[in-house]
């Protein structure tokens, strides 16, 4: 079991660690350029490539999308309760609890733990959460996007491209499938490198509160995923992916939005770093249970 867990987690931590060490050494890393490439080219290609290679039936996709929405709603309610108890502003804590790192960490871990079919289910969760994050999430953070900007968002476009593949059993032409495979293959490594670089730029303050709230986010996320999966009667693999995705740490994107809105970015950075550090110990427990 230890060897299996190590095989799943080691690539994720090693690649993210390379990005972290790269940034700490002061070496040049064009984060804005890489992030734009990943968002506009890599992620849509990964979505098309994964869903075209994997037989993901419409019921499974719909079930995962509904489960994602229920988990997000449940975490929003939990965050409001924590805000009332802690006195934190709801615009700070709500996005951190609602939007975990299902892309940079969730996708590679689902791939290495559960294979191509697990990755396809994780992509369904990621797409659904991304739509909510780029609409409701940005409105909560105070940086709402226009409808035109939303429709031009690559994640939304990739979701539209995925619908015929899932619901109409559409097959990509061979040349397009090969191109999507090639471009999609760069996405996960670049995501992990960028995650490491981003974490290297975050400075910890008020570690105690960060560890407490970060631990709450991860623990409640896992419990929410388990409860929603059980309520919807999902099969074992679907529930495993749901729990893993729901238990991810706070996404770095929340920090970027807090900086943009000038809404306690240091507190959000604290949550990102502390929850990510805690996930190094927590994820092996979650994976050991489901694997």
C-alpha atoms as a PDB file:
ATOM      1  CA  UNK A   1       0.000   0.000   0.000  1.00  0.00           C
ATOM      2  CA  UNK A   2       2.820   2.393   0.848  1.00  0.00           C
ATOM      3  CA  UNK A   3       4.446   1.788  -2.541  1.00  0.00           C
ATOM      4  CA  UNK A   4       1.140   2.506  -4.316  1.00  0.00           C
ATOM      5  CA  UNK A   5       0.594   5.728  -2.380  1.00  0.00           C
ATOM      6  CA  UNK A   6       4.160   6.845  -3.019  1.00  0.00           C
ATOM      7  CA  UNK A   7       3.758   6.176  -6.743  1.00  0.00           C
ATOM      8  CA  UNK A   8       0.649   8.394  -6.793  1.00  0.00           C
ATOM      9  CA  UNK A   9       1.878  11.307  -4.686  1.00  0.00           C
ATOM     10  CA  UNK A  10       5.601  11.414  -5.476  1.00  0.00           C
ATOM     11  CA  UNK A  11       5.263  12.788  -9.053  1.00  0.00           C
ATOM     12  CA  UNK A  12       2.919  15.539  -7.827  1.00  0.00           C
ATOM     13  CA  UNK A  13       5.119  16.639  -4.942  1.00  0.00           C
ATOM     14  CA  UNK A  14       8.375  16.299  -6.885  1.00  0.00           C
ATOM     15  CA  UNK A  15       7.254  18.413  -9.837  1.00  0.00           C
ATOM     16  CA  UNK A  16       5.677  21.047  -7.556  1.00  0.00           C
ATOM     17  CA  UNK A  17       8.874  20.932  -5.469  1.00  0.00           C
ATOM     18  CA  UNK A  18      10.965  21.616  -8.565  1.00  0.00           C
ATOM     19  CA  UNK A  19       8.851  24.703  -9.259  1.00  0.00           C
ATOM     20  CA  UNK A  20       9.197  25.814  -5.638  1.00  0.00           C
ATOM     21  CA  UNK A  21      12.979  25.362  -5.634  1.00  0.00           C
ATOM     22  CA  UNK A  22      13.253  27.087  -9.019  1.00  0.00           C
ATOM     23  CA  UNK A  23      11.506  30.176  -7.703  1.00  0.00           C
ATOM     24  CA  UNK A  24      13.380  30.199  -4.401  1.00  0.00           C
ATOM     25  CA  UNK A  25      16.683  30.228  -6.292  1.00  0.00           C
ATOM     26  CA  UNK A  26      15.542  33.380  -8.046  1.00  0.00           C
ATOM     27  CA  UNK A  27      15.552  31.805 -11.500  1.00  0.00           C
ATOM     28  CA  UNK A  28      13.300  33.320 -14.135  1.00  0.00           C
ATOM     29  CA  UNK A  29       9.843  31.764 -14.509  1.00  0.00           C
ATOM     30  CA  UNK A  30       7.304  33.650 -16.657  1.00  0.00           C
ATOM     31  CA  UNK A  31       4.314  32.808 -14.474  1.00  0.00           C
ATOM     32  CA  UNK A  32       1.841  35.042 -16.330  1.00  0.00           C
ATOM     33  CA  UNK A  33       2.821  33.582 -19.700  1.00  0.00           C
ATOM     34  CA  UNK A  34       2.748  29.957 -18.489  1.00  0.00           C
ATOM     35  CA  UNK A  35      -0.572  30.460 -16.718  1.00  0.00           C
ATOM     36  CA  UNK A  36      -2.081  31.970 -19.863  1.00  0.00           C
ATOM     37  CA  UNK A  37      -0.813  29.093 -22.020  1.00  0.00           C
ATOM     38  CA  UNK A  38      -2.176  26.529 -19.570  1.00  0.00           C
ATOM     39  CA  UNK A  39      -5.529  28.284 -19.319  1.00  0.00           C
ATOM     40  CA  UNK A  40      -6.112  29.101 -22.984  1.00  0.00           C
ATOM     41  CA  UNK A  41      -4.445  26.155 -24.738  1.00  0.00           C
ATOM     42  CA  UNK A  42      -3.440  23.404 -22.358  1.00  0.00           C
ATOM     43  CA  UNK A  43      -6.587  22.966 -20.255  1.00  0.00           C
ATOM     44  CA  UNK A  44      -9.097  22.927 -23.158  1.00  0.00           C
ATOM     45  CA  UNK A  45      -6.820  20.431 -24.953  1.00  0.00           C
ATOM     46  CA  UNK A  46      -6.586  18.268 -21.829  1.00  0.00           C
ATOM     47  CA  UNK A  47     -10.378  18.271 -21.498  1.00  0.00           C
ATOM     48  CA  UNK A  48     -10.928  17.246 -25.121  1.00  0.00           C
ATOM     49  CA  UNK A  49      -8.116  14.692 -25.032  1.00  0.00           C
ATOM     50  CA  UNK A  50      -9.270  13.050 -21.803  1.00  0.00           C
ATOM     51  CA  UNK A  51     -12.949  12.880 -22.679  1.00  0.00           C
ATOM     52  CA  UNK A  52     -12.281  11.624 -26.222  1.00  0.00           C
ATOM     53  CA  UNK A  53     -10.031   8.805 -24.934  1.00  0.00           C
ATOM     54  CA  UNK A  54     -12.268   7.736 -22.052  1.00  0.00           C
ATOM     55  CA  UNK A  55     -15.737   6.233 -22.250  1.00  0.00           C
ATOM     56  CA  UNK A  56     -17.450   8.560 -19.789  1.00  0.00           C
ATOM     57  CA  UNK A  57     -21.186   8.102 -20.066  1.00  0.00           C
ATOM     58  CA  UNK A  58     -23.512  11.119 -19.782  1.00  0.00           C
ATOM     59  CA  UNK A  59     -25.019   9.868 -16.509  1.00  0.00           C
ATOM     60  CA  UNK A  60     -21.596   9.746 -14.839  1.00  0.00           C
ATOM     61  CA  UNK A  61     -20.714  13.236 -16.079  1.00  0.00           C
ATOM     62  CA  UNK A  62     -24.056  14.655 -14.941  1.00  0.00           C
ATOM     63  CA  UNK A  63     -23.828  12.903 -11.583  1.00  0.00           C
ATOM     64  CA  UNK A  64     -20.348  14.325 -10.956  1.00  0.00           C
ATOM     65  CA  UNK A  65     -21.448  17.814 -12.016  1.00  0.00           C
ATOM     66  CA  UNK A  66     -24.439  17.710  -9.649  1.00  0.00           C
ATOM     67  CA  UNK A  67     -22.252  16.343  -6.857  1.00  0.00           C
ATOM     68  CA  UNK A  68     -19.773  19.185  -7.407  1.00  0.00           C
ATOM     69  CA  UNK A  69     -22.543  21.790  -7.139  1.00  0.00           C
ATOM     70  CA  UNK A  70     -23.895  20.214  -3.946  1.00  0.00           C
ATOM     71  CA  UNK A  71     -20.426  20.047  -2.376  1.00  0.00           C
ATOM     72  CA  UNK A  72     -19.772  23.676  -3.299  1.00  0.00           C
ATOM     73  CA  UNK A  73     -23.081  24.763  -1.775  1.00  0.00           C
ATOM     74  CA  UNK A  74     -22.408  22.724   1.356  1.00  0.00           C
ATOM     75  CA  UNK A  75     -18.948  24.240   1.762  1.00  0.00           C
ATOM     76  CA  UNK A  76     -20.414  27.733   1.307  1.00  0.00           C
ATOM     77  CA  UNK A  77     -22.828  27.112   4.183  1.00  0.00           C
ATOM     78  CA  UNK A  78     -20.006  25.699   6.318  1.00  0.00           C
ATOM     79  CA  UNK A  79     -17.879  28.767   5.570  1.00  0.00           C
ATOM     80  CA  UNK A  80     -20.661  31.101   6.677  1.00  0.00           C
ATOM     81  CA  UNK A  81     -20.900  29.247   9.992  1.00  0.00           C
ATOM     82  CA  UNK A  82     -17.121  29.479  10.460  1.00  0.00           C
ATOM     83  CA  UNK A  83     -17.270  33.204   9.626  1.00  0.00           C
ATOM     84  CA  UNK A  84     -19.884  33.750  12.302  1.00  0.00           C
ATOM     85  CA  UNK A  85     -17.789  31.875  14.859  1.00  0.00           C
ATOM     86  CA  UNK A  86     -14.428  33.436  13.931  1.00  0.00           C
ATOM     87  CA  UNK A  87     -15.476  36.955  12.972  1.00  0.00           C
ATOM     88  CA  UNK A  88     -13.739  36.753   9.575  1.00  0.00           C
ATOM     89  CA  UNK A  89     -15.250  38.592   6.630  1.00  0.00           C
ATOM     90  CA  UNK A  90     -17.358  36.270   4.509  1.00  0.00           C
ATOM     91  CA  UNK A  91     -15.834  37.547   1.261  1.00  0.00           C
ATOM     92  CA  UNK A  92     -12.446  36.282   2.472  1.00  0.00           C
ATOM     93  CA  UNK A  93     -13.366  32.831   3.765  1.00  0.00           C
ATOM     94  CA  UNK A  94     -16.230  31.885   1.443  1.00  0.00           C
ATOM     95  CA  UNK A  95     -14.168  31.549  -1.774  1.00  0.00           C
ATOM     96  CA  UNK A  96     -11.392  29.695   0.081  1.00  0.00           C
ATOM     97  CA  UNK A  97     -13.847  27.061   1.330  1.00  0.00           C
ATOM     98  CA  UNK A  98     -15.825  26.824  -1.904  1.00  0.00           C
ATOM     99  CA  UNK A  99     -12.991  26.574  -4.440  1.00  0.00           C
ATOM    100  CA  UNK A 100     -10.258  23.999  -3.762  1.00  0.00           C
ATOM    101  CA  UNK A 101      -7.269  23.287  -5.971  1.00  0.00           C
ATOM    102  CA  UNK A 102      -8.995  20.750  -8.229  1.00  0.00           C
ATOM    103  CA  UNK A 103      -6.850  21.635 -11.261  1.00  0.00           C
ATOM    104  CA  UNK A 104      -3.180  21.889 -10.307  1.00  0.00           C
ATOM    105  CA  UNK A 105      -3.404  19.116  -7.699  1.00  0.00           C
ATOM    106  CA  UNK A 106      -6.737  17.371  -8.167  1.00  0.00           C
ATOM    107  CA  UNK A 107      -6.276  16.352 -11.796  1.00  0.00           C
ATOM    108  CA  UNK A 108      -2.811  14.755 -11.515  1.00  0.00           C
ATOM    109  CA  UNK A 109      -3.654  12.956  -8.267  1.00  0.00           C
ATOM    110  CA  UNK A 110      -6.880  11.577  -9.766  1.00  0.00           C
ATOM    111  CA  UNK A 111      -4.938  10.426 -12.835  1.00  0.00           C
ATOM    112  CA  UNK A 112      -2.201   8.625 -10.910  1.00  0.00           C
ATOM    113  CA  UNK A 113      -4.573   7.176  -8.296  1.00  0.00           C
ATOM    114  CA  UNK A 114      -7.540   6.145 -10.438  1.00  0.00           C
ATOM    115  CA  UNK A 115      -6.322   6.054 -14.043  1.00  0.00           C
ATOM    116  CA  UNK A 116      -7.802   7.604 -17.175  1.00  0.00           C
ATOM    117  CA  UNK A 117     -11.421   7.057 -16.121  1.00  0.00           C
ATOM    118  CA  UNK A 118     -10.709   8.692 -12.768  1.00  0.00           C
ATOM    119  CA  UNK A 119      -9.134  11.626 -14.595  1.00  0.00           C
ATOM    120  CA  UNK A 120     -12.245  11.988 -16.782  1.00  0.00           C
ATOM    121  CA  UNK A 121     -14.448  12.144 -13.674  1.00  0.00           C
ATOM    122  CA  UNK A 122     -12.056  14.648 -12.088  1.00  0.00           C
ATOM    123  CA  UNK A 123     -12.256  16.760 -15.255  1.00  0.00           C
ATOM    124  CA  UNK A 124     -16.063  16.796 -14.949  1.00  0.00           C
ATOM    125  CA  UNK A 125     -15.733  18.081 -11.369  1.00  0.00           C
ATOM    126  CA  UNK A 126     -13.070  20.615 -12.390  1.00  0.00           C
ATOM    127  CA  UNK A 127     -15.113  21.985 -15.299  1.00  0.00           C
ATOM    128  CA  UNK A 128     -18.229  22.413 -13.168  1.00  0.00           C
ATOM    129  CA  UNK A 129     -16.349  24.084 -10.324  1.00  0.00           C
ATOM    130  CA  UNK A 130     -14.510  26.371 -12.746  1.00  0.00           C
ATOM    131  CA  UNK A 131     -17.788  27.646 -14.191  1.00  0.00           C
ATOM    132  CA  UNK A 132     -19.042  28.430 -10.683  1.00  0.00           C
ATOM    133  CA  UNK A 133     -15.715  30.044  -9.757  1.00  0.00           C
ATOM    134  CA  UNK A 134     -15.608  32.302 -12.807  1.00  0.00           C
ATOM    135  CA  UNK A 135     -19.175  33.475 -12.167  1.00  0.00           C
ATOM    136  CA  UNK A 136     -20.340  33.308  -8.545  1.00  0.00           C
ATOM    137  CA  UNK A 137     -16.798  33.081  -7.172  1.00  0.00           C
ATOM    138  CA  UNK A 138     -15.609  36.240  -8.866  1.00  0.00           C
ATOM    139  CA  UNK A 139     -18.753  38.059  -7.768  1.00  0.00           C
ATOM    140  CA  UNK A 140     -18.126  37.006  -4.152  1.00  0.00           C
ATOM    141  CA  UNK A 141     -14.515  38.200  -4.292  1.00  0.00           C
ATOM    142  CA  UNK A 142     -15.649  41.537  -5.719  1.00  0.00           C
ATOM    143  CA  UNK A 143     -14.110  41.046  -9.178  1.00  0.00           C
ATOM    144  CA  UNK A 144     -17.130  40.000 -11.231  1.00  0.00           C
ATOM    145  CA  UNK A 145     -16.531  39.400 -14.939  1.00  0.00           C
ATOM    146  CA  UNK A 146     -18.815  40.522 -17.740  1.00  0.00           C
ATOM    147  CA  UNK A 147     -20.963  38.062 -19.655  1.00  0.00           C
ATOM    148  CA  UNK A 148     -18.830  38.624 -22.750  1.00  0.00           C
ATOM    149  CA  UNK A 149     -15.663  37.787 -20.835  1.00  0.00           C
ATOM    150  CA  UNK A 150     -17.305  34.684 -19.394  1.00  0.00           C
ATOM    151  CA  UNK A 151     -18.352  33.395 -22.809  1.00  0.00           C
ATOM    152  CA  UNK A 152     -14.799  33.920 -24.085  1.00  0.00           C
ATOM    153  CA  UNK A 153     -13.318  32.062 -21.115  1.00  0.00           C
ATOM    154  CA  UNK A 154     -11.362  28.996 -22.338  1.00  0.00           C
ATOM    155  CA  UNK A 155     -12.841  26.783 -19.606  1.00  0.00           C
ATOM    156  CA  UNK A 156     -16.356  27.628 -20.777  1.00  0.00           C
ATOM    157  CA  UNK A 157     -15.341  27.010 -24.390  1.00  0.00           C
ATOM    158  CA  UNK A 158     -13.793  23.651 -23.492  1.00  0.00           C
ATOM    159  CA  UNK A 159     -16.985  22.676 -21.660  1.00  0.00           C
ATOM    160  CA  UNK A 160     -19.008  23.518 -24.778  1.00  0.00           C
ATOM    161  CA  UNK A 161     -16.610  21.411 -26.847  1.00  0.00           C
ATOM    162  CA  UNK A 162     -16.916  18.509 -24.434  1.00  0.00           C
ATOM    163  CA  UNK A 163     -20.708  18.307 -24.587  1.00  0.00           C
ATOM    164  CA  UNK A 164     -20.939  16.656 -28.053  1.00  0.00           C
ATOM    165  CA  UNK A 165     -18.266  14.143 -27.054  1.00  0.00           C
ATOM    166  CA  UNK A 166     -20.119  13.128 -23.903  1.00  0.00           C
ATOM    167  CA  UNK A 167     -23.776  13.393 -24.846  1.00  0.00           C
ATOM    168  CA  UNK A 168     -23.720  12.784 -28.620  1.00  0.00           C
ATOM    169  CA  UNK A 169     -20.912  10.204 -28.684  1.00  0.00           C
ATOM    170  CA  UNK A 170     -19.006  12.441 -31.085  1.00  0.00           C
ATOM    171  CA  UNK A 171     -15.515  11.297 -32.077  1.00  0.00           C
ATOM    172  CA  UNK A 172     -12.747  13.777 -32.802  1.00  0.00           C
ATOM    173  CA  UNK A 173     -10.968  13.480 -36.161  1.00  0.00           C
ATOM    174  CA  UNK A 174      -7.676  11.647 -35.788  1.00  0.00           C
ATOM    175  CA  UNK A 175      -5.586  14.760 -36.487  1.00  0.00           C
ATOM    176  CA  UNK A 176      -7.509  16.782 -33.905  1.00  0.00           C
ATOM    177  CA  UNK A 177      -7.360  14.016 -31.298  1.00  0.00           C
ATOM    178  CA  UNK A 178      -3.587  13.707 -31.760  1.00  0.00           C
ATOM    179  CA  UNK A 179      -3.167  17.479 -31.481  1.00  0.00           C
ATOM    180  CA  UNK A 180      -5.287  17.577 -28.314  1.00  0.00           C
ATOM    181  CA  UNK A 181      -3.223  14.715 -26.841  1.00  0.00           C
ATOM    182  CA  UNK A 182       0.026  16.540 -27.606  1.00  0.00           C
ATOM    183  CA  UNK A 183      -1.085  19.891 -26.189  1.00  0.00           C
ATOM    184  CA  UNK A 184      -2.961  18.352 -23.276  1.00  0.00           C
ATOM    185  CA  UNK A 185       0.132  16.403 -22.275  1.00  0.00           C
ATOM    186  CA  UNK A 186       1.971  19.582 -21.286  1.00  0.00           C
ATOM    187  CA  UNK A 187      -0.816  20.825 -19.028  1.00  0.00           C
ATOM    188  CA  UNK A 188      -0.417  18.809 -15.830  1.00  0.00           C
ATOM    189  CA  UNK A 189       3.395  19.246 -15.583  1.00  0.00           C
ATOM    190  CA  UNK A 190       3.072  23.000 -16.170  1.00  0.00           C
ATOM    191  CA  UNK A 191       0.219  23.202 -13.635  1.00  0.00           C
ATOM    192  CA  UNK A 192       2.379  21.566 -10.976  1.00  0.00           C
ATOM    193  CA  UNK A 193       5.463  23.664 -11.751  1.00  0.00           C
ATOM    194  CA  UNK A 194       3.366  26.835 -11.575  1.00  0.00           C
ATOM    195  CA  UNK A 195       1.814  25.683  -8.298  1.00  0.00           C
ATOM    196  CA  UNK A 196       5.290  25.315  -6.801  1.00  0.00           C
ATOM    197  CA  UNK A 197       6.401  28.709  -8.117  1.00  0.00           C
ATOM    198  CA  UNK A 198       3.240  30.346  -6.754  1.00  0.00           C
ATOM    199  CA  UNK A 199       3.694  28.795  -3.305  1.00  0.00           C
ATOM    200  CA  UNK A 200       7.284  30.080  -3.194  1.00  0.00           C
ATOM    201  CA  UNK A 201       5.998  33.653  -3.485  1.00  0.00           C
ATOM    202  CA  UNK A 202       3.645  33.322  -0.493  1.00  0.00           C
ATOM    203  CA  UNK A 203       4.884  34.343   2.948  1.00  0.00           C
ATOM    204  CA  UNK A 204       3.283  32.822   6.020  1.00  0.00           C
ATOM    205  CA  UNK A 205       1.855  34.916   8.819  1.00  0.00           C
ATOM    206  CA  UNK A 206      -0.511  33.935  11.637  1.00  0.00           C
ATOM    207  CA  UNK A 207       0.332  30.272  11.059  1.00  0.00           C
ATOM    208  CA  UNK A 208      -1.915  29.006  13.859  1.00  0.00           C
ATOM    209  CA  UNK A 209      -5.147  30.372  12.396  1.00  0.00           C
ATOM    210  CA  UNK A 210      -4.044  29.342   8.910  1.00  0.00           C
ATOM    211  CA  UNK A 211      -3.488  25.745   9.987  1.00  0.00           C
ATOM    212  CA  UNK A 212      -6.800  25.641  11.833  1.00  0.00           C
ATOM    213  CA  UNK A 213      -8.887  27.066   8.993  1.00  0.00           C
ATOM    214  CA  UNK A 214      -6.903  25.190   6.331  1.00  0.00           C
ATOM    215  CA  UNK A 215      -7.449  21.945   8.211  1.00  0.00           C
ATOM    216  CA  UNK A 216     -11.156  22.708   8.479  1.00  0.00           C
ATOM    217  CA  UNK A 217     -11.345  23.316   4.732  1.00  0.00           C
ATOM    218  CA  UNK A 218      -9.715  19.982   3.898  1.00  0.00           C
ATOM    219  CA  UNK A 219     -11.541  17.919   6.528  1.00  0.00           C
ATOM    220  CA  UNK A 220     -14.962  19.395   5.830  1.00  0.00           C
ATOM    221  CA  UNK A 221     -14.358  19.043   2.091  1.00  0.00           C
ATOM    222  CA  UNK A 222     -13.643  15.322   2.425  1.00  0.00           C
ATOM    223  CA  UNK A 223     -16.680  14.823   4.668  1.00  0.00           C
ATOM    224  CA  UNK A 224     -18.884  16.784   2.276  1.00  0.00           C
ATOM    225  CA  UNK A 225     -17.713  14.711  -0.690  1.00  0.00           C
ATOM    226  CA  UNK A 226     -18.370  11.467   1.164  1.00  0.00           C
ATOM    227  CA  UNK A 227     -21.841  12.572   2.282  1.00  0.00           C
ATOM    228  CA  UNK A 228     -22.899  13.850  -1.152  1.00  0.00           C
ATOM    229  CA  UNK A 229     -21.552  10.737  -2.870  1.00  0.00           C
ATOM    230  CA  UNK A 230     -23.490   8.505  -0.489  1.00  0.00           C
ATOM    231  CA  UNK A 231     -26.680  10.560  -0.880  1.00  0.00           C
ATOM    232  CA  UNK A 232     -26.492  10.345  -4.680  1.00  0.00           C
ATOM    233  CA  UNK A 233     -25.728   6.620  -4.652  1.00  0.00           C
ATOM    234  CA  UNK A 234     -22.511   7.053  -6.649  1.00  0.00           C
ATOM    235  CA  UNK A 235     -20.366   3.999  -7.352  1.00  0.00           C
ATOM    236  CA  UNK A 236     -17.018   3.473  -5.631  1.00  0.00           C
ATOM    237  CA  UNK A 237     -14.802   5.135  -8.245  1.00  0.00           C
ATOM    238  CA  UNK A 238     -17.083   8.157  -8.583  1.00  0.00           C
ATOM    239  CA  UNK A 239     -17.214   8.628  -4.818  1.00  0.00           C
ATOM    240  CA  UNK A 240     -13.446   8.240  -4.536  1.00  0.00           C
ATOM    241  CA  UNK A 241     -12.801  10.963  -7.115  1.00  0.00           C
ATOM    242  CA  UNK A 242     -15.463  13.163  -5.529  1.00  0.00           C
ATOM    243  CA  UNK A 243     -13.904  12.885  -2.070  1.00  0.00           C
ATOM    244  CA  UNK A 244     -10.376  13.488  -3.371  1.00  0.00           C
ATOM    245  CA  UNK A 245     -11.414  16.546  -5.386  1.00  0.00           C
ATOM    246  CA  UNK A 246     -13.487  17.922  -2.506  1.00  0.00           C
ATOM    247  CA  UNK A 247     -10.581  17.453  -0.081  1.00  0.00           C
ATOM    248  CA  UNK A 248      -8.079  19.499  -2.086  1.00  0.00           C
ATOM    249  CA  UNK A 249      -6.423  22.526  -0.408  1.00  0.00           C
ATOM    250  CA  UNK A 250      -7.375  26.137  -1.093  1.00  0.00           C
ATOM    251  CA  UNK A 251      -6.657  27.093  -4.708  1.00  0.00           C
ATOM    252  CA  UNK A 252      -3.965  29.690  -5.460  1.00  0.00           C
ATOM    253  CA  UNK A 253      -6.512  31.437  -7.703  1.00  0.00           C
ATOM    254  CA  UNK A 254      -8.320  32.597  -4.550  1.00  0.00           C
ATOM    255  CA  UNK A 255      -5.177  34.464  -3.495  1.00  0.00           C
ATOM    256  CA  UNK A 256      -4.890  36.121  -6.900  1.00  0.00           C
ATOM    257  CA  UNK A 257      -8.504  37.277  -6.677  1.00  0.00           C
ATOM    258  CA  UNK A 258      -7.953  38.607  -3.149  1.00  0.00           C
ATOM    259  CA  UNK A 259      -4.944  40.596  -4.380  1.00  0.00           C
ATOM    260  CA  UNK A 260      -6.954  41.951  -7.285  1.00  0.00           C
ATOM    261  CA  UNK A 261      -9.815  43.014  -4.990  1.00  0.00           C
ATOM    262  CA  UNK A 262      -7.419  44.122  -2.212  1.00  0.00           C
ATOM    263  CA  UNK A 263      -9.384  42.044   0.288  1.00  0.00           C
ATOM    264  CA  UNK A 264      -7.020  40.677   2.969  1.00  0.00           C
ATOM    265  CA  UNK A 265      -4.700  38.877   0.517  1.00  0.00           C
ATOM    266  CA  UNK A 266      -2.262  37.949   3.309  1.00  0.00           C
ATOM    267  CA  UNK A 267      -4.997  36.025   5.125  1.00  0.00           C
ATOM    268  CA  UNK A 268      -5.951  34.182   1.935  1.00  0.00           C
ATOM    269  CA  UNK A 269      -2.278  33.445   1.208  1.00  0.00           C
ATOM    270  CA  UNK A 270      -2.073  31.964   4.694  1.00  0.00           C
ATOM    271  CA  UNK A 271      -4.978  29.644   3.929  1.00  0.00           C
ATOM    272  CA  UNK A 272      -3.474  28.584   0.593  1.00  0.00           C
ATOM    273  CA  UNK A 273      -0.062  27.730   2.023  1.00  0.00           C
ATOM    274  CA  UNK A 274      -1.240  26.114   5.267  1.00  0.00           C
ATOM    275  CA  UNK A 275      -3.930  23.988   3.611  1.00  0.00           C
ATOM    276  CA  UNK A 276      -1.424  22.869   0.949  1.00  0.00           C
ATOM    277  CA  UNK A 277       1.124  21.867   3.596  1.00  0.00           C
ATOM    278  CA  UNK A 278      -1.567  19.987   5.526  1.00  0.00           C
ATOM    279  CA  UNK A 279      -2.655  18.196   2.360  1.00  0.00           C
ATOM    280  CA  UNK A 280       0.767  16.522   2.185  1.00  0.00           C
ATOM    281  CA  UNK A 281      -0.212  14.600   5.318  1.00  0.00           C
ATOM    282  CA  UNK A 282      -3.952  14.347   4.681  1.00  0.00           C
ATOM    283  CA  UNK A 283      -4.038  13.134   1.082  1.00  0.00           C
ATOM    284  CA  UNK A 284      -2.222   9.849   1.802  1.00  0.00           C
ATOM    285  CA  UNK A 285      -4.941   9.053   4.353  1.00  0.00           C
ATOM    286  CA  UNK A 286      -7.736   9.792   1.868  1.00  0.00           C
ATOM    287  CA  UNK A 287      -6.052   7.836  -0.915  1.00  0.00           C
ATOM    288  CA  UNK A 288      -5.252   4.885   1.353  1.00  0.00           C
ATOM    289  CA  UNK A 289      -8.940   4.621   2.224  1.00  0.00           C
ATOM    290  CA  UNK A 290     -10.180   4.657  -1.387  1.00  0.00           C
ATOM    291  CA  UNK A 291      -7.360   2.805  -3.104  1.00  0.00           C
END
